[in-house]
Protein backbone atom coordinates (compact mmCIF):
# COMPACT_ATOMS: atom_id res chain seq x y z
CA MET A 1 41.14 -9.05 17.57
CA HIS A 2 41.76 -11.89 15.09
CA ARG A 3 40.18 -15.33 15.25
CA VAL A 4 42.82 -18.04 14.98
CA LEU A 5 42.07 -21.13 12.91
CA THR A 6 43.80 -24.12 14.43
CA PRO A 7 44.51 -26.94 11.97
CA SER A 8 44.44 -29.60 14.70
CA SER A 9 42.27 -31.28 17.35
CA ASP A 10 45.42 -32.55 19.08
CA VAL A 11 45.58 -31.07 22.58
CA ARG A 12 49.40 -31.06 22.56
CA PHE A 13 49.52 -29.01 19.36
CA ASN A 14 46.92 -26.53 20.60
CA LEU A 15 48.59 -26.06 23.99
CA ALA A 16 51.82 -25.30 22.13
CA LEU A 17 49.95 -22.95 19.77
CA MET A 18 48.55 -20.97 22.69
CA GLU A 19 51.97 -20.71 24.35
CA TYR A 20 53.58 -19.56 21.09
CA PHE A 21 50.97 -16.85 20.50
CA LEU A 22 51.22 -15.68 24.13
CA LYS A 23 55.01 -15.36 24.18
CA GLU A 24 55.96 -14.62 20.59
CA LYS A 25 53.01 -13.36 18.53
CA PRO A 26 51.97 -9.72 19.00
CA GLY A 27 48.32 -8.73 18.77
CA ALA A 28 44.98 -9.81 20.23
CA TYR A 29 43.37 -13.13 19.32
CA PHE A 30 40.62 -15.57 20.14
CA MET A 31 40.05 -19.17 19.13
CA VAL A 32 37.13 -21.62 19.32
CA PHE A 33 38.12 -25.28 19.04
CA GLN A 34 37.63 -28.86 20.25
CA HIS A 35 39.90 -31.71 21.31
CA ARG A 36 39.95 -35.44 21.15
CA PRO A 37 39.38 -36.99 24.63
CA CYS A 38 42.03 -35.82 27.12
CA VAL A 39 42.56 -34.49 30.62
CA VAL A 40 44.32 -31.14 31.07
CA ILE A 41 45.61 -30.36 34.56
CA GLY A 42 46.55 -27.01 36.04
CA ARG A 43 50.18 -25.89 36.05
CA ASN A 44 50.63 -26.38 39.82
CA GLN A 45 48.72 -29.63 40.29
CA ASN A 46 50.06 -33.02 41.26
CA ALA A 47 48.88 -35.28 38.42
CA SER A 48 48.32 -38.33 40.64
CA ASP A 49 46.22 -36.28 43.08
CA ALA A 50 44.05 -34.80 40.34
CA VAL A 51 43.54 -37.72 37.93
CA ARG A 52 42.99 -41.47 38.02
CA LEU A 53 46.12 -42.12 36.00
CA ASP A 54 45.43 -45.85 35.88
CA LEU A 55 42.10 -45.29 34.15
CA ALA A 56 43.57 -42.68 31.81
CA GLU A 57 46.17 -45.22 30.70
CA GLU A 58 43.60 -48.01 30.38
CA TRP A 59 41.32 -45.82 28.25
CA ASP A 60 44.24 -44.35 26.25
CA ILE A 61 43.46 -40.80 27.32
CA ASP A 62 46.30 -38.27 27.35
CA VAL A 63 46.96 -36.31 30.55
CA LEU A 64 48.60 -32.96 29.78
CA ARG A 65 49.71 -30.00 31.89
CA ARG A 66 48.86 -26.45 30.78
CA LEU A 67 50.63 -23.17 31.54
CA LYS A 68 47.56 -21.81 33.33
CA GLY A 69 46.68 -22.57 36.95
CA GLY A 70 43.37 -23.97 38.17
CA GLY A 71 42.10 -27.52 38.34
CA ALA A 72 41.93 -30.56 36.09
CA VAL A 73 39.51 -30.57 33.14
CA TYR A 74 38.24 -33.50 31.11
CA GLN A 75 37.63 -32.65 27.46
CA ASP A 76 36.22 -34.57 24.53
CA GLU A 77 34.53 -33.72 21.24
CA GLY A 78 31.47 -32.49 23.17
CA CYS A 79 33.46 -29.76 24.91
CA VAL A 80 33.91 -26.39 23.19
CA ASN A 81 37.09 -24.52 24.12
CA VAL A 82 37.28 -20.74 23.93
CA TRP A 83 40.65 -19.01 24.19
CA PHE A 84 41.42 -15.29 24.38
CA LEU A 85 44.72 -13.42 24.23
CA ALA A 86 44.82 -9.69 24.99
CA ASP A 87 46.68 -6.97 26.84
CA LYS A 88 46.27 -6.87 30.61
CA ASP A 89 44.14 -4.15 32.14
CA LYS A 90 43.79 -2.88 35.70
CA ARG A 91 40.27 -4.19 36.30
CA ASP A 92 39.75 -6.65 39.13
CA ASP A 93 37.14 -8.58 37.12
CA ARG A 94 39.60 -9.92 34.56
CA PHE A 95 37.87 -13.32 34.52
CA GLN A 96 34.50 -11.73 33.80
CA ARG A 97 36.07 -9.71 31.00
CA PHE A 98 36.40 -12.92 28.98
CA VAL A 99 33.62 -15.08 30.44
CA ARG A 100 30.94 -12.44 29.89
CA PRO A 101 30.85 -12.67 26.05
CA VAL A 102 30.44 -16.46 26.29
CA ALA A 103 27.73 -16.18 28.96
CA ASP A 104 25.96 -13.54 26.87
CA TYR A 105 25.85 -15.97 23.94
CA LEU A 106 24.18 -18.58 26.15
CA CYS A 107 21.69 -15.93 27.22
CA THR A 108 20.77 -15.29 23.58
CA LEU A 109 19.77 -18.97 23.47
CA GLY A 110 17.33 -18.38 26.32
CA LEU A 111 19.56 -19.72 29.10
CA ASP A 112 20.14 -18.14 32.52
CA ALA A 113 23.93 -17.94 32.18
CA ALA A 114 26.42 -16.08 34.35
CA PHE A 115 29.93 -16.13 35.80
CA GLY A 116 30.06 -17.52 39.35
CA GLY A 117 32.38 -18.87 42.02
CA ARG A 118 36.05 -18.25 41.42
CA ASN A 119 36.11 -19.42 37.79
CA ASP A 120 32.82 -21.09 36.80
CA LEU A 121 30.48 -20.60 33.86
CA LEU A 122 26.98 -21.30 35.21
CA VAL A 123 23.58 -22.03 33.71
CA SER A 124 20.68 -21.93 36.17
CA GLY A 125 23.22 -22.18 38.98
CA LYS A 126 24.91 -25.31 37.63
CA LYS A 127 28.46 -25.45 36.28
CA VAL A 128 28.73 -25.90 32.52
CA GLY A 129 32.34 -24.77 32.14
CA GLY A 130 35.51 -23.60 33.83
CA ASN A 131 38.11 -20.92 33.20
CA ALA A 132 41.81 -20.34 33.80
CA GLN A 133 44.38 -17.66 33.03
CA THR A 134 48.08 -17.09 32.76
CA LEU A 135 50.06 -13.87 32.51
CA HIS A 136 53.15 -13.11 30.46
CA LYS A 137 54.65 -9.64 30.67
CA ASP A 138 51.82 -7.25 29.75
CA ARG A 139 49.53 -9.91 28.26
CA VAL A 140 46.87 -12.26 29.60
CA ALA A 141 45.82 -15.58 28.07
CA HIS A 142 42.40 -16.82 29.13
CA GLY A 143 41.09 -20.31 28.45
CA GLY A 144 37.51 -21.42 29.02
CA THR A 145 35.41 -24.51 28.37
CA VAL A 146 31.73 -24.94 27.58
CA MET A 147 30.40 -28.46 28.15
CA PHE A 148 27.83 -28.93 25.40
CA ASP A 149 27.63 -32.73 25.40
CA VAL A 150 30.57 -34.08 27.39
CA ASP A 151 30.67 -37.69 28.62
CA LEU A 152 30.07 -36.78 32.27
CA GLU A 153 30.29 -40.37 33.50
CA ARG A 154 33.76 -40.72 32.07
CA MET A 155 34.72 -37.27 33.37
CA PHE A 156 33.81 -38.09 36.97
CA SER A 157 35.54 -41.46 36.72
CA LEU A 158 38.80 -39.83 35.64
CA LEU A 159 38.89 -36.72 37.83
CA GLN A 160 39.61 -37.07 41.54
CA VAL A 161 37.45 -34.32 43.01
CA ASP A 162 38.13 -33.31 46.61
CA PRO A 163 34.83 -33.87 48.50
CA GLU A 164 35.46 -30.69 50.48
CA LYS A 165 35.16 -28.72 47.24
CA TYR A 166 31.45 -29.44 46.84
CA ARG A 167 30.63 -29.75 50.53
CA ARG A 168 31.61 -26.09 50.94
CA LYS A 169 28.85 -25.33 48.43
CA GLY A 170 26.28 -27.33 50.38
CA LEU A 171 26.11 -30.15 47.81
CA LYS A 172 26.13 -33.91 48.34
CA SER A 173 28.28 -34.69 45.32
CA ALA A 174 30.30 -33.07 42.56
CA GLN A 175 27.81 -34.45 40.02
CA ALA A 176 25.04 -32.40 41.64
CA ARG A 177 26.56 -29.10 40.49
CA VAL A 178 27.54 -29.98 36.90
CA MET A 179 25.55 -30.40 33.69
CA ASN A 180 25.84 -30.17 29.92
CA VAL A 181 24.45 -27.12 28.13
CA LYS A 182 22.61 -29.46 25.77
CA GLU A 183 20.26 -30.44 28.61
CA SER A 184 18.75 -26.95 28.60
CA LEU A 185 18.54 -26.41 24.84
CA PRO A 186 16.03 -27.60 22.23
CA SER A 187 16.89 -31.09 21.04
CA SER A 188 17.19 -29.78 17.50
CA MET A 189 20.37 -27.79 18.25
CA SER A 190 23.47 -29.69 17.20
CA LEU A 191 27.01 -29.19 18.51
CA LYS A 192 28.03 -27.79 15.13
CA CYS A 193 25.19 -25.24 15.21
CA PHE A 194 26.05 -24.27 18.79
CA ARG A 195 29.74 -23.81 17.99
CA GLU A 196 29.12 -21.79 14.83
CA GLY A 197 26.64 -19.60 16.69
CA LEU A 198 29.22 -18.91 19.38
CA ILE A 199 31.80 -17.92 16.76
CA ARG A 200 29.36 -15.53 15.06
CA HIS A 201 28.46 -13.98 18.43
CA LEU A 202 32.09 -13.41 19.41
CA GLU A 203 32.90 -11.89 16.03
CA LYS A 204 29.98 -9.50 16.58
CA VAL A 205 30.69 -8.37 20.17
CA LEU A 206 34.51 -8.35 20.08
CA PRO A 207 36.62 -5.87 18.08
CA PHE A 208 36.88 -8.50 15.33
CA GLN A 209 39.54 -7.83 12.67
CA GLY A 210 39.41 -11.01 10.62
CA VAL A 211 40.63 -14.59 10.57
CA TYR A 212 44.26 -15.58 11.10
CA GLN A 213 45.57 -18.82 9.63
CA PRO A 214 48.94 -19.90 11.14
CA ASN A 215 51.65 -19.78 8.48
CA GLU A 216 54.50 -22.22 7.98
CA TYR A 217 56.81 -20.33 10.35
CA ASP A 218 54.10 -20.34 13.04
CA LYS A 219 53.56 -24.07 12.61
CA ALA A 220 57.29 -24.79 12.84
CA ARG A 221 57.60 -22.84 16.11
CA ILE A 222 54.46 -24.51 17.48
CA LYS A 223 55.83 -27.96 16.70
CA THR A 224 59.10 -27.09 18.41
CA ILE A 225 57.30 -25.98 21.60
CA LYS A 226 55.11 -29.08 21.43
CA ARG A 227 58.13 -31.36 21.22
CA LYS A 228 60.07 -29.65 24.01
CA ARG A 229 57.22 -29.20 26.49
CA TYR A 230 53.94 -30.92 25.74
CA ASP A 231 55.47 -34.17 24.47
CA SER A 232 57.54 -34.33 27.67
CA ALA A 233 56.43 -36.74 30.39
CA VAL A 234 58.43 -34.71 32.91
CA TRP A 235 56.34 -31.61 32.17
CA ASN A 236 52.98 -33.36 31.87
CA ARG A 237 53.21 -35.69 34.86
CA GLY A 238 55.63 -33.57 36.91
CA VAL A 239 58.55 -34.63 39.07
CA ASP A 240 58.12 -37.19 41.81
CA VAL A 241 56.98 -35.18 44.81
CA SER A 242 58.07 -37.06 47.90
CA GLY A 243 58.69 -35.85 51.41
CA THR A 244 58.24 -36.60 55.07
CA HIS A 245 55.53 -34.01 55.78
CA ARG A 246 52.53 -32.53 54.02
CA GLY A 247 50.14 -29.73 54.83
CA ARG A 248 46.96 -29.41 52.77
CA GLU A 249 43.91 -27.16 52.93
CA ARG A 250 41.10 -25.99 50.66
CA PHE A 251 40.40 -22.26 50.65
CA ASP A 252 37.82 -20.25 48.71
CA PHE A 253 40.53 -19.53 46.13
CA GLY A 254 41.55 -23.18 45.71
CA GLU A 255 43.44 -26.02 47.31
CA VAL A 256 47.01 -25.50 48.51
CA SER A 257 49.34 -28.36 49.41
CA VAL A 258 52.86 -27.99 50.83
CA THR A 259 55.09 -31.07 50.84
CA PHE A 260 58.60 -31.06 52.28
CA THR A 261 61.28 -33.24 53.82
CA LEU A 262 62.29 -32.34 57.36
CA LYS A 263 66.00 -32.81 58.05
CA GLN A 264 67.55 -31.69 61.33
CA GLY A 265 64.54 -29.46 61.93
CA LYS A 266 64.76 -27.65 58.54
CA LEU A 267 62.63 -27.73 55.37
CA HIS A 268 64.09 -29.33 52.24
CA ASN A 269 62.67 -30.24 48.81
CA VAL A 270 59.69 -27.92 49.29
CA HIS A 271 56.82 -28.29 46.80
CA VAL A 272 53.75 -26.02 46.74
CA GLN A 273 50.95 -27.51 44.65
CA GLY A 274 47.23 -27.22 44.11
CA ASP A 275 44.46 -25.95 41.83
CA PHE A 276 45.10 -22.30 42.70
CA PHE A 277 45.87 -19.49 40.27
CA ALA A 278 49.22 -17.74 40.20
CA ASP A 279 50.77 -14.69 38.55
CA GLU A 280 54.36 -15.93 38.91
CA SER A 281 56.06 -19.31 39.03
CA VAL A 282 55.56 -20.98 42.41
CA THR A 283 59.14 -22.28 42.16
CA LYS A 284 60.35 -18.88 43.38
CA LEU A 285 58.21 -19.20 46.51
CA GLU A 286 59.52 -22.71 47.18
CA LYS A 287 63.10 -21.41 47.10
CA HIS A 288 62.31 -18.88 49.85
CA LEU A 289 61.31 -21.78 52.12
CA GLU A 290 64.27 -24.02 51.40
CA ASN A 291 66.52 -24.74 54.42
CA VAL A 292 64.31 -22.69 56.79
CA PRO A 293 63.76 -24.12 60.31
CA LEU A 294 60.29 -25.49 61.05
CA ASP A 295 59.59 -22.64 63.44
CA GLU A 296 56.91 -19.96 63.25
CA ARG A 297 59.28 -17.03 63.71
CA ALA A 298 61.84 -18.38 61.23
CA LEU A 299 59.17 -19.09 58.58
CA ALA A 300 57.58 -15.67 59.04
CA GLY A 301 61.00 -14.08 58.72
CA ALA A 302 61.76 -15.96 55.50
CA LEU A 303 58.49 -14.73 53.99
CA HIS A 304 58.57 -11.22 55.47
CA GLU A 305 59.39 -9.44 52.22
CA VAL A 306 57.77 -12.00 49.92
CA GLU A 307 54.47 -11.12 48.23
CA VAL A 308 53.02 -14.61 48.61
CA GLY A 309 49.84 -13.69 46.73
CA LYS A 310 51.80 -13.39 43.50
CA PHE A 311 52.61 -17.09 43.65
CA VAL A 312 49.30 -18.33 45.11
CA ARG A 313 46.55 -15.86 44.39
CA GLY A 314 44.56 -15.29 47.61
CA LEU A 315 47.20 -16.65 50.01
CA ASP A 316 49.32 -14.54 52.36
CA GLY A 317 52.42 -15.27 54.41
CA ALA A 318 50.61 -15.92 57.69
CA MET A 319 48.28 -18.44 56.03
CA LEU A 320 51.22 -20.26 54.44
CA VAL A 321 53.14 -20.42 57.72
CA LYS A 322 50.09 -21.86 59.47
CA LEU A 323 49.69 -24.48 56.74
CA ILE A 324 53.34 -25.55 57.05
CA LEU A 325 53.18 -25.77 60.84
CA GLN A 326 50.04 -27.94 60.60
CA ALA A 327 51.76 -30.35 58.19
CA ARG A 328 51.44 -33.99 59.17
CA ARG A 329 54.10 -36.64 58.90
CA LEU A 330 53.57 -38.90 55.92
CA GLN A 331 53.65 -42.65 56.32
CA ASP A 332 56.83 -44.34 55.15
């Protein structure tokens, strides 16, 4: 496994780099890096639901969409990103496969660190980072964050956290379950020292093969992907999702929202969104629901041979049908 040296702290460049390596560059890699202040939303999220876009514009903070699922993440120079790219395996604990080495590093610093929830990195039961994954053919790309000294006040101002998300955990606020790693470390440890220690630890515990510096061809391909996808407002903000009805519910595996327009008793312009994880593009699932009558039997029939869990990990056909039938009419 090679460690990639990114030449940039630009989130757009690094998102393009990770996509390029996933789809075009054979081999196993990891990368430790930081970004200038930004918000990165999950592939299937509605940007306006997840982020205070007015504040992001006022504070000149980019809002970008990643290939991976999951929820929105605020990053700044105090957030350390860790990215892994490897072959898929058949284990069910594929998140722990990549979170464990990072948690183990925190443990070497005397912290009580572990993987918890559906995708959290925890220290003493509090969240200090999140994780997300995407699959491509026989490969898995895993991205994680470690909040060393993030501006938490700004983070909670920008992110629109569903109150149900923390109420399900028995907490009064989202702030009650989040902290920076720095709070639990000796004041003498700097961000640079922490980051370099993490790199040394990963090089020790992973099958490290050396450092990889992107060459001129790599950089040219990365810049092309950046221009076509991550510089695109259509990709980053998404299309305008409008409809007459919307069903929305938070499950243990994430929030799922279904928006559609009802015409002559049938579903049109179906959009499935949320902070869930997916193994395949949710667009395929939306097409199965297009032009189907708003009727339990008809919906069940349309999804009968569809493996819904591929598109929304944790969801099945019966749950999706129930969510659609419970959809409420939106105000004009």
